[in-house]
Protein backbone atom coordinates (compact mmCIF):
# COMPACT_ATOMS: atom_id res chain seq x y z
CA UNK A 1 120.33 -180.52 -64.62
CA UNK A 2 116.85 -180.22 -64.18
CA UNK A 3 115.95 -180.09 -60.56
CA UNK A 4 112.80 -177.66 -60.62
CA UNK A 5 110.52 -180.68 -59.97
CA UNK A 6 112.43 -181.68 -56.97
CA UNK A 7 112.68 -178.08 -55.76
CA UNK A 8 109.05 -177.51 -55.88
CA UNK A 9 108.59 -180.79 -54.13
CA UNK A 10 110.89 -179.67 -51.45
CA UNK A 11 108.88 -176.50 -51.12
CA UNK A 12 105.76 -177.88 -50.79
CA UNK A 13 106.81 -180.47 -48.34
CA UNK A 14 108.65 -178.03 -46.15
CA UNK A 15 105.36 -176.46 -44.50
CA UNK A 16 103.99 -180.04 -43.73
CA UNK A 17 107.34 -181.52 -42.29
CA UNK A 18 107.56 -178.74 -40.15
CA UNK A 19 104.00 -179.21 -39.02
CA UNK A 20 104.82 -182.96 -38.38
CA UNK A 21 107.93 -182.46 -36.47
CA UNK A 22 107.09 -179.24 -34.65
CA UNK A 23 103.79 -180.96 -33.78
CA UNK A 24 105.55 -184.02 -32.24
CA UNK A 25 108.01 -182.09 -30.23
CA UNK A 26 105.10 -179.51 -28.97
CA UNK A 27 102.74 -182.49 -27.99
CA UNK A 28 105.71 -184.46 -26.22
CA UNK A 29 106.41 -181.40 -24.50
CA UNK A 30 102.98 -181.12 -23.36
CA UNK A 31 102.88 -184.65 -22.27
CA UNK A 32 106.11 -184.48 -20.44
CA UNK A 33 104.55 -181.18 -18.74
CA UNK A 34 101.61 -182.99 -17.50
CA UNK A 35 103.57 -186.03 -16.12
CA UNK A 36 105.89 -183.72 -14.33
CA UNK A 37 103.10 -181.74 -12.94
CA UNK A 38 100.73 -184.66 -11.88
CA UNK A 39 103.13 -187.21 -11.05
CA UNK A 40 106.28 -185.68 -10.11
CA UNK A 41 110.17 -186.27 -10.67
CA UNK A 42 110.35 -189.82 -9.58
CA UNK A 43 107.53 -191.17 -11.45
CA UNK A 44 108.46 -189.58 -14.55
CA UNK A 45 111.94 -190.97 -14.39
CA UNK A 46 110.35 -194.39 -14.15
CA UNK A 47 108.42 -193.61 -17.14
CA UNK A 48 111.33 -192.28 -19.04
CA UNK A 49 113.33 -195.26 -18.37
CA UNK A 50 110.77 -197.96 -19.48
CA UNK A 51 109.95 -195.83 -22.65
CA UNK A 52 113.58 -195.40 -23.54
CA UNK A 53 113.96 -199.26 -23.05
CA UNK A 54 111.23 -199.89 -25.40
CA UNK A 55 112.61 -197.50 -28.01
CA UNK A 56 115.67 -199.27 -28.00
CA UNK A 57 113.94 -202.46 -28.36
CA UNK A 58 111.90 -200.73 -31.04
CA UNK A 59 114.95 -199.91 -33.35
CA UNK A 60 116.26 -203.67 -32.99
CA UNK A 61 112.92 -204.68 -34.34
CA UNK A 62 112.62 -202.24 -36.84
CA UNK A 63 116.39 -203.01 -38.30
CA UNK A 64 117.20 -199.73 -40.30
CA UNK A 65 114.14 -200.15 -42.33
CA UNK A 66 113.07 -196.50 -42.17
CA UNK A 67 116.58 -195.51 -44.23
CA UNK A 68 115.94 -198.38 -46.69
CA UNK A 69 112.45 -197.87 -47.46
CA UNK A 70 112.63 -194.53 -48.50
CA UNK A 71 115.80 -195.20 -50.53
CA UNK A 72 114.48 -198.39 -52.34
CA UNK A 73 110.74 -198.01 -52.73
CA UNK A 74 110.59 -194.36 -53.65
CA UNK A 75 111.71 -195.28 -57.26
CA UNK A 76 109.10 -197.96 -57.64
CA UNK A 77 106.27 -195.75 -56.41
CA UNK A 78 106.89 -192.87 -58.74
CA UNK A 79 107.45 -194.86 -61.84
CA UNK A 80 104.43 -196.32 -63.70
CA UNK A 81 104.26 -200.33 -63.64
CA UNK A 82 106.57 -200.57 -60.81
CA UNK A 83 104.45 -200.23 -57.78
CA UNK A 84 104.21 -204.29 -57.47
CA UNK A 85 107.94 -204.46 -56.31
CA UNK A 86 107.37 -201.51 -53.91
CA UNK A 87 104.26 -203.56 -52.19
CA UNK A 88 106.54 -206.54 -52.22
CA UNK A 89 109.45 -204.65 -50.24
CA UNK A 90 107.08 -203.17 -47.99
CA UNK A 91 105.04 -206.62 -46.98
CA UNK A 92 108.17 -208.22 -46.51
CA UNK A 93 109.31 -205.84 -44.35
CA UNK A 94 106.20 -205.41 -42.30
CA UNK A 95 106.36 -209.35 -41.73
CA UNK A 96 109.82 -209.38 -40.75
CA UNK A 97 109.52 -206.37 -38.22
CA UNK A 98 106.10 -207.97 -36.73
CA UNK A 99 108.11 -211.34 -36.30
CA UNK A 100 111.51 -209.69 -34.75
CA UNK A 101 108.89 -207.45 -32.39
CA UNK A 102 107.10 -210.44 -31.08
CA UNK A 103 110.68 -212.33 -30.38
CA UNK A 104 112.42 -209.21 -28.80
CA UNK A 105 108.84 -208.68 -26.74
CA UNK A 106 109.05 -212.42 -25.44
CA UNK A 107 112.85 -211.98 -24.62
CA UNK A 108 112.65 -208.94 -22.53
CA UNK A 109 109.47 -210.26 -20.85
CA UNK A 110 111.80 -213.32 -19.76
CA UNK A 111 114.45 -211.20 -18.50
CA UNK A 112 112.36 -208.38 -16.81
CA UNK A 113 113.21 -209.60 -13.41
CA UNK A 114 116.88 -209.12 -14.22
CA UNK A 115 116.47 -205.67 -15.63
CA UNK A 116 114.15 -204.32 -12.86
CA UNK A 117 116.10 -205.90 -9.70
CA UNK A 118 119.63 -205.66 -10.92
CA UNK A 119 119.92 -203.30 -13.65
CA UNK A 120 117.90 -200.57 -12.22
CA UNK A 121 117.76 -201.67 -8.79
CA UNK A 122 114.14 -201.18 -8.59
CA UNK A 123 111.94 -204.65 -8.33
CA UNK A 124 108.67 -202.22 -8.86
CA UNK A 125 109.71 -201.64 -12.46
CA UNK A 126 109.36 -205.17 -13.45
CA UNK A 127 105.38 -204.68 -14.88
CA UNK A 128 106.71 -201.34 -16.62
CA UNK A 129 109.56 -203.17 -18.34
CA UNK A 130 107.06 -205.97 -19.35
CA UNK A 131 104.61 -203.39 -20.93
CA UNK A 132 107.43 -201.47 -22.50
CA UNK A 133 108.42 -204.68 -24.08
CA UNK A 134 104.78 -204.99 -25.47
CA UNK A 135 104.98 -201.46 -26.82
CA UNK A 136 107.49 -202.93 -29.33
CA UNK A 137 104.86 -204.42 -31.44
CA UNK A 138 102.46 -201.35 -32.19
CA UNK A 139 105.47 -198.99 -32.05
CA UNK A 140 107.29 -200.61 -35.03
CA UNK A 141 104.02 -200.63 -37.24
CA UNK A 142 103.43 -197.12 -36.53
CA UNK A 143 107.17 -196.35 -37.81
CA UNK A 144 106.63 -198.35 -40.85
CA UNK A 145 103.38 -196.48 -41.75
CA UNK A 146 105.34 -193.39 -41.40
CA UNK A 147 108.37 -194.46 -43.68
CA UNK A 148 105.91 -195.74 -46.36
CA UNK A 149 104.57 -191.90 -46.40
CA UNK A 150 108.03 -190.65 -46.89
CA UNK A 151 108.65 -192.88 -49.68
CA UNK A 152 105.37 -191.71 -51.09
CA UNK A 153 107.04 -188.34 -50.69
CA UNK A 154 103.77 -187.27 -48.45
CA UNK A 155 105.02 -186.58 -44.89
CA UNK A 156 101.22 -185.07 -44.66
CA UNK A 157 99.07 -183.55 -42.30
CA UNK A 158 97.64 -187.02 -41.52
CA UNK A 159 100.63 -187.81 -39.12
CA UNK A 160 99.87 -184.25 -37.47
CA UNK A 161 96.31 -184.90 -36.72
CA UNK A 162 96.85 -188.31 -35.32
CA UNK A 163 99.58 -187.19 -33.45
CA UNK A 164 97.56 -184.37 -31.85
CA UNK A 165 94.57 -186.80 -31.67
CA UNK A 166 96.46 -189.37 -29.72
CA UNK A 167 98.35 -187.25 -27.51
CA UNK A 168 95.60 -185.18 -26.44
CA UNK A 169 93.77 -188.47 -25.64
CA UNK A 170 96.91 -189.76 -23.66
CA UNK A 171 96.98 -186.45 -21.65
CA UNK A 172 93.48 -186.94 -20.75
CA UNK A 173 93.90 -190.19 -19.79
CA UNK A 174 96.83 -189.40 -17.83
CA UNK A 175 94.61 -186.61 -15.81
CA UNK A 176 91.58 -188.83 -15.59
CA UNK A 177 93.40 -191.84 -13.84
CA UNK A 178 96.06 -189.59 -11.92
CA UNK A 179 97.61 -191.64 -9.14
CA UNK A 180 97.96 -195.26 -11.15
CA UNK A 181 101.39 -196.68 -11.45
CA UNK A 182 103.78 -196.33 -14.48
CA UNK A 183 102.29 -199.52 -15.84
CA UNK A 184 99.31 -197.87 -16.40
CA UNK A 185 100.66 -195.00 -18.10
CA UNK A 186 102.71 -197.45 -20.48
CA UNK A 187 99.38 -199.29 -21.14
CA UNK A 188 97.89 -195.62 -22.43
CA UNK A 189 100.98 -195.67 -24.69
CA UNK A 190 100.04 -199.13 -26.24
CA UNK A 191 96.62 -197.85 -26.89
CA UNK A 192 97.97 -194.44 -28.46
CA UNK A 193 100.40 -196.32 -31.16
CA UNK A 194 97.16 -198.72 -32.20
CA UNK A 195 95.01 -195.76 -32.81
CA UNK A 196 97.70 -193.85 -34.44
CA UNK A 197 98.32 -196.68 -36.93
CA UNK A 198 94.66 -196.90 -37.73
CA UNK A 199 94.23 -193.13 -38.06
CA UNK A 200 97.07 -192.66 -40.21
CA UNK A 201 95.87 -195.62 -42.55
CA UNK A 202 92.29 -194.48 -42.85
CA UNK A 203 93.36 -190.61 -43.71
CA UNK A 204 95.47 -192.15 -46.39
CA UNK A 205 93.46 -194.86 -48.06
CA UNK A 206 93.05 -192.54 -51.18
CA UNK A 207 96.81 -191.65 -51.28
CA UNK A 208 97.59 -195.48 -51.06
CA UNK A 209 95.15 -196.37 -53.84
CA UNK A 210 96.44 -193.51 -56.19
CA UNK A 211 100.19 -194.79 -55.56
CA UNK A 212 99.08 -198.80 -56.14
CA UNK A 213 99.74 -199.21 -52.30
CA UNK A 214 98.66 -202.64 -51.13
CA UNK A 215 99.63 -205.12 -48.32
CA UNK A 216 100.47 -208.55 -50.01
CA UNK A 217 99.55 -211.82 -48.19
CA UNK A 218 102.60 -213.79 -46.77
CA UNK A 219 102.37 -216.51 -49.62
CA UNK A 220 102.11 -213.65 -52.09
CA UNK A 221 105.21 -211.88 -50.75
CA UNK A 222 107.08 -215.05 -50.55
CA UNK A 223 106.48 -215.92 -54.49
CA UNK A 224 107.31 -212.14 -55.24
CA UNK A 225 110.69 -212.28 -53.36
CA UNK A 226 111.35 -215.52 -55.22
CA UNK A 227 110.57 -213.97 -58.44
CA UNK A 228 112.68 -210.98 -57.71
CA UNK A 229 115.44 -212.29 -55.66
CA UNK A 230 118.62 -210.15 -56.77
CA UNK A 231 116.14 -207.15 -55.55
CA UNK A 232 115.48 -208.51 -52.41
CA UNK A 233 119.20 -209.78 -51.73
CA UNK A 234 120.46 -205.90 -52.59
CA UNK A 235 117.61 -204.84 -50.21
CA UNK A 236 118.62 -206.95 -47.28
CA UNK A 237 122.17 -206.58 -47.72
CA UNK A 238 121.84 -202.80 -47.30
CA UNK A 239 119.14 -203.19 -44.63
CA UNK A 240 121.64 -205.31 -42.44
CA UNK A 241 124.35 -202.28 -42.83
CA UNK A 242 121.40 -199.90 -41.75
CA UNK A 243 120.25 -202.04 -38.91
CA UNK A 244 123.27 -201.59 -37.37
CA UNK A 245 123.20 -197.65 -37.92
CA UNK A 246 119.80 -197.57 -36.54
CA UNK A 247 120.31 -199.37 -33.32
CA UNK A 248 123.57 -197.39 -32.93
CA UNK A 249 121.62 -194.33 -33.17
CA UNK A 250 119.15 -195.28 -30.76
CA UNK A 251 122.04 -196.35 -28.12
CA UNK A 252 123.26 -192.66 -28.83
CA UNK A 253 120.15 -191.26 -27.97
CA UNK A 254 118.87 -193.46 -24.67
CA UNK A 255 122.10 -195.07 -23.24
CA UNK A 256 122.79 -192.08 -21.21
CA UNK A 257 119.17 -192.19 -19.70
CA UNK A 258 119.80 -195.59 -18.96
CA UNK A 259 123.21 -195.47 -17.47
CA UNK A 260 121.68 -192.43 -15.21
CA UNK A 261 118.93 -194.85 -14.03
CA UNK A 262 121.10 -197.74 -12.96
CA UNK A 263 123.70 -195.60 -11.43
CA UNK A 264 121.38 -192.52 -10.09
CA UNK A 265 117.98 -192.23 -9.26
CA UNK A 266 114.86 -192.03 -10.99
CA UNK A 267 114.50 -188.13 -10.15
CA UNK A 268 117.82 -187.61 -11.66
CA UNK A 269 116.57 -189.61 -14.98
CA UNK A 270 113.40 -187.07 -15.23
CA UNK A 271 115.53 -183.94 -14.51
CA UNK A 272 117.80 -184.99 -17.22
CA UNK A 273 115.47 -186.16 -19.80
CA UNK A 274 113.36 -182.85 -19.53
CA UNK A 275 116.67 -181.05 -20.30
CA UNK A 276 117.44 -183.30 -23.20
CA UNK A 277 113.52 -182.92 -24.55
CA UNK A 278 113.84 -179.19 -24.16
CA UNK A 279 117.06 -178.84 -26.26
CA UNK A 280 115.69 -181.46 -28.99
CA UNK A 281 114.18 -178.22 -30.87
CA UNK A 282 117.86 -179.11 -32.27
CA UNK A 283 116.93 -182.10 -33.59
CA UNK A 284 113.75 -180.91 -35.00
CA UNK A 285 115.22 -178.55 -37.17
CA UNK A 286 117.75 -181.32 -38.94
CA UNK A 287 115.07 -184.07 -38.90
CA UNK A 288 112.77 -181.56 -40.90
CA UNK A 289 115.43 -180.80 -43.52
CA UNK A 290 116.25 -184.57 -43.78
CA UNK A 291 112.54 -185.32 -44.17
CA UNK A 292 112.64 -182.76 -46.91
CA UNK A 293 115.86 -183.55 -49.09
CA UNK A 294 115.87 -187.50 -48.25
CA UNK A 295 113.81 -188.02 -51.38
CA UNK A 296 115.98 -185.60 -52.97
CA UNK A 297 119.07 -187.20 -52.42
CA UNK A 298 117.36 -190.87 -53.12
CA UNK A 299 116.18 -189.75 -56.69
CA UNK A 300 119.49 -187.80 -57.69
CA UNK A 301 121.74 -190.87 -56.45
CA UNK A 302 119.64 -193.00 -58.60
CA UNK A 303 120.27 -191.02 -61.36
CA UNK A 304 123.99 -190.83 -60.60
CA UNK A 305 123.95 -187.08 -60.61
CA UNK A 306 126.89 -186.12 -58.42
CA UNK A 307 126.70 -182.42 -59.07
CA UNK A 308 123.00 -182.17 -58.16
CA UNK A 309 123.76 -183.97 -54.85
CA UNK A 310 126.62 -181.63 -54.02
CA UNK A 311 124.46 -178.43 -54.88
CA UNK A 312 121.68 -179.74 -52.69
CA UNK A 313 123.97 -180.61 -49.78
CA UNK A 314 125.66 -177.15 -50.08
CA UNK A 315 122.34 -175.27 -50.39
CA UNK A 316 121.08 -176.73 -47.25
CA UNK A 317 124.09 -176.74 -45.31
CA UNK A 318 124.34 -173.23 -45.69
CA UNK A 319 120.92 -172.60 -44.17
CA UNK A 320 121.79 -174.67 -41.14
CA UNK A 321 124.61 -172.03 -40.02
CA UNK A 322 122.21 -169.19 -39.15
CA UNK A 323 119.25 -171.73 -37.71
CA UNK A 324 122.18 -173.08 -35.42
CA UNK A 325 123.14 -169.82 -34.29
CA UNK A 326 119.22 -168.74 -33.51
CA UNK A 327 118.67 -171.90 -31.93
CA UNK A 328 122.09 -171.53 -29.50
CA UNK A 329 120.80 -168.20 -28.77
CA UNK A 330 117.30 -168.90 -27.76
CA UNK A 331 118.54 -172.09 -25.62
CA UNK A 332 121.01 -169.95 -23.54
CA UNK A 333 118.20 -167.19 -23.11
CA UNK A 334 115.45 -169.31 -22.15
CA UNK A 335 116.79 -172.25 -19.99
CA UNK A 336 116.17 -170.56 -16.67
CA UNK A 337 112.34 -171.16 -17.49
CA UNK A 338 112.68 -174.90 -16.84
CA UNK A 339 112.11 -174.74 -13.09
CA UNK A 340 109.19 -172.23 -13.25
CA UNK A 341 107.51 -174.34 -15.96
CA UNK A 342 108.03 -177.93 -14.79
CA UNK A 343 108.66 -177.23 -11.01
CA UNK A 344 111.23 -176.71 -8.51
CA UNK A 345 112.38 -180.81 -8.81
CA UNK A 346 113.65 -179.77 -12.24
CA UNK A 347 115.72 -176.89 -11.17
CA UNK A 348 119.16 -178.40 -12.38
CA UNK A 349 117.66 -178.79 -15.81
CA UNK A 350 118.36 -175.30 -16.76
CA UNK A 351 122.33 -175.83 -16.27
CA UNK A 352 121.94 -179.08 -18.05
CA UNK A 353 119.85 -177.61 -21.11
CA UNK A 354 122.44 -174.65 -21.64
CA UNK A 355 125.34 -177.31 -22.01
CA UNK A 356 123.36 -179.73 -23.90
CA UNK A 357 122.23 -177.28 -26.51
CA UNK A 358 126.19 -177.17 -27.50
CA UNK A 359 126.08 -180.67 -28.80
CA UNK A 360 122.97 -179.73 -30.80
CA UNK A 361 124.30 -176.63 -32.14
CA UNK A 362 127.08 -178.82 -33.66
CA UNK A 363 124.58 -181.40 -35.04
CA UNK A 364 122.72 -178.51 -36.86
CA UNK A 365 125.74 -176.64 -38.37
CA UNK A 366 126.99 -179.77 -39.85
CA UNK A 367 124.02 -180.37 -42.10
CA UNK A 368 122.36 -183.45 -43.44
CA UNK A 369 125.75 -185.40 -43.71
CA UNK A 370 124.16 -188.58 -42.51
CA UNK A 371 121.54 -188.53 -44.92
CA UNK A 372 123.93 -187.42 -47.61
CA UNK A 373 126.25 -190.60 -46.94
CA UNK A 374 123.18 -193.17 -46.77
CA UNK A 375 121.58 -191.90 -49.80
CA UNK A 376 124.74 -191.75 -52.13
CA UNK A 377 125.65 -195.53 -51.69
CA UNK A 378 127.99 -194.77 -48.52
CA UNK A 379 126.07 -196.60 -45.85
CA UNK A 380 129.13 -198.75 -44.64
CA UNK A 381 131.28 -195.45 -44.09
CA UNK A 382 128.35 -194.07 -41.91
CA UNK A 383 127.98 -197.39 -40.24
CA UNK A 384 131.54 -196.99 -39.21
CA UNK A 385 130.87 -193.53 -37.84
CA UNK A 386 127.75 -194.48 -35.81
CA UNK A 387 129.22 -197.75 -34.36
CA UNK A 388 132.22 -195.83 -33.01
CA UNK A 389 130.22 -193.29 -31.87
CA UNK A 390 127.75 -195.70 -29.88
CA UNK A 391 131.01 -197.16 -28.48
CA UNK A 392 132.41 -193.89 -27.62
CA UNK A 393 128.87 -193.07 -25.79
CA UNK A 394 128.71 -195.98 -23.97
CA UNK A 395 132.27 -196.13 -22.53
CA UNK A 396 132.25 -192.09 -21.82
CA UNK A 397 128.68 -192.42 -19.98
CA UNK A 398 129.77 -195.55 -18.05
CA UNK A 399 133.23 -193.46 -17.03
CA UNK A 400 131.65 -190.04 -16.54
CA UNK A 401 128.36 -190.60 -14.75
CA UNK A 402 129.96 -192.73 -12.25
CA UNK A 403 132.18 -190.23 -11.33
CA UNK A 404 130.37 -186.80 -11.99
CA UNK A 405 126.72 -188.18 -11.94
CA UNK A 406 124.31 -186.47 -14.30
CA UNK A 407 126.79 -183.67 -15.36
CA UNK A 408 129.13 -186.64 -16.54
CA UNK A 409 126.14 -187.69 -19.13
CA UNK A 410 125.41 -184.37 -20.28
CA UNK A 411 129.32 -183.90 -21.22
CA UNK A 412 129.31 -187.60 -22.72
CA UNK A 413 126.40 -186.28 -24.74
CA UNK A 414 128.29 -183.32 -25.95
CA UNK A 415 131.37 -185.06 -26.99
CA UNK A 416 129.76 -187.87 -28.58
CA UNK A 417 127.48 -185.47 -30.83
CA UNK A 418 130.65 -183.30 -31.68
CA UNK A 419 132.69 -186.47 -32.38
CA UNK A 420 129.83 -188.36 -34.77
CA UNK A 421 128.59 -185.21 -36.61
CA UNK A 422 132.18 -183.45 -37.21
CA UNK A 423 133.30 -186.93 -38.66
CA UNK A 424 130.44 -187.56 -40.95
CA UNK A 425 130.69 -183.80 -42.10
CA UNK A 426 134.29 -184.08 -42.89
CA UNK A 427 133.68 -187.34 -45.00
CA UNK A 428 131.32 -185.67 -46.81
CA UNK A 429 133.56 -182.81 -47.66
CA UNK A 430 136.41 -185.00 -48.56
CA UNK A 431 134.47 -187.42 -50.92
CA UNK A 432 132.49 -184.69 -52.76
CA UNK A 433 135.64 -182.27 -52.99
CA UNK A 434 133.46 -179.49 -51.38
CA UNK A 435 135.54 -176.78 -49.84
CA UNK A 436 134.47 -174.60 -46.87
CA UNK A 437 134.19 -171.54 -48.81
CA UNK A 438 131.59 -173.30 -51.00
CA UNK A 439 129.09 -172.84 -47.99
CA UNK A 440 130.06 -168.94 -47.90
CA UNK A 441 129.57 -168.20 -51.50
CA UNK A 442 126.40 -166.97 -52.58
CA UNK A 443 125.22 -169.33 -55.52
CA UNK A 444 124.07 -166.83 -58.37
CA UNK A 445 123.42 -169.46 -60.96
CA UNK A 446 119.80 -170.92 -61.24
CA UNK A 447 119.37 -174.36 -61.78
CA UNK A 448 117.64 -175.22 -64.94
């Protein structure tokens, strides 16, 4: 098998992918640090609640398109004369996503009083929830543009530049308008999303022209969908499966925060969220690998090259074990710095971070099993894994947080990540006949 081109593409994308992910984590850390220093734990907690509420809504609007776009449109933009089909799928995705965003925004706005008064027991959060609902629209558009760059195999520096500019502006606005409410800060986020979309598109106009990327009008999109109906049916059939996966994954990432907000105080939300974000470096490692090999899996799956898929999976999972050990050691050594960096209100975050890193460690060492299952046509299997994990997370959070407070959410997170990632990894080993010893052997055979 000749995978030299794929290897070169992966190597070329490594630095950009690390920069994209690392830049995002560092800027998010700076933003959270600004909130903690200037506004305190209670304000930060209310902001995290509203923002995570919006993230859950964005996932519902985006409907799993991040996986489908990379999987289905990559071949069209890498082959001559096929870009029109890619444009059709991207345009249809955009119009559907924006329509869903508007409907979700309207629904959340209508029930904002219920969410603020009865769920979070904080009537002052109604305005924040409404603004968080409006964030769904530009947030979905921003995600769509980013996934398009992945489909073109160009997770490039424009995303880093956009993040730097937008987050720097957001931090400046927070400093300049210190003392304003959560609603004002969320309005700044809407502005940031809009600026981010404009900057990314402007910086990639040449790239889009080279690949023939163009947005079709609604009527033209409808006509193309009619002419390529079998392709559209295949696209959306897979999307329905992946929509459930996407929403389940977001439930896994934000439900603990929402439960703490409903059962505990906003300050508890802030402390837990800071600990979670500090340990999210583990997610950075795995998402960087996924960004590199997602297109490799898509291409090899398209060629039905099972041996190549197995080889790529083993190679990258082998890298994850030492990376996970280094991450775990760093998390245990430096967690004590949290109260010195964020303030004494966040002192409990050190113990939370040490425990949360256990779940991140399990996630790292099990490798890119989720992407492997999705890109090799076993999305329904991964759907079962994520849905069961989301249900497990919901039940465990409701049971443990009510009894043990924030510590209950910490242990729920550890158990859920272990349950989800070990199950997915076991499925990959079983389906591809991969043995544990395969990850320990040194592969001396060069791929031709």
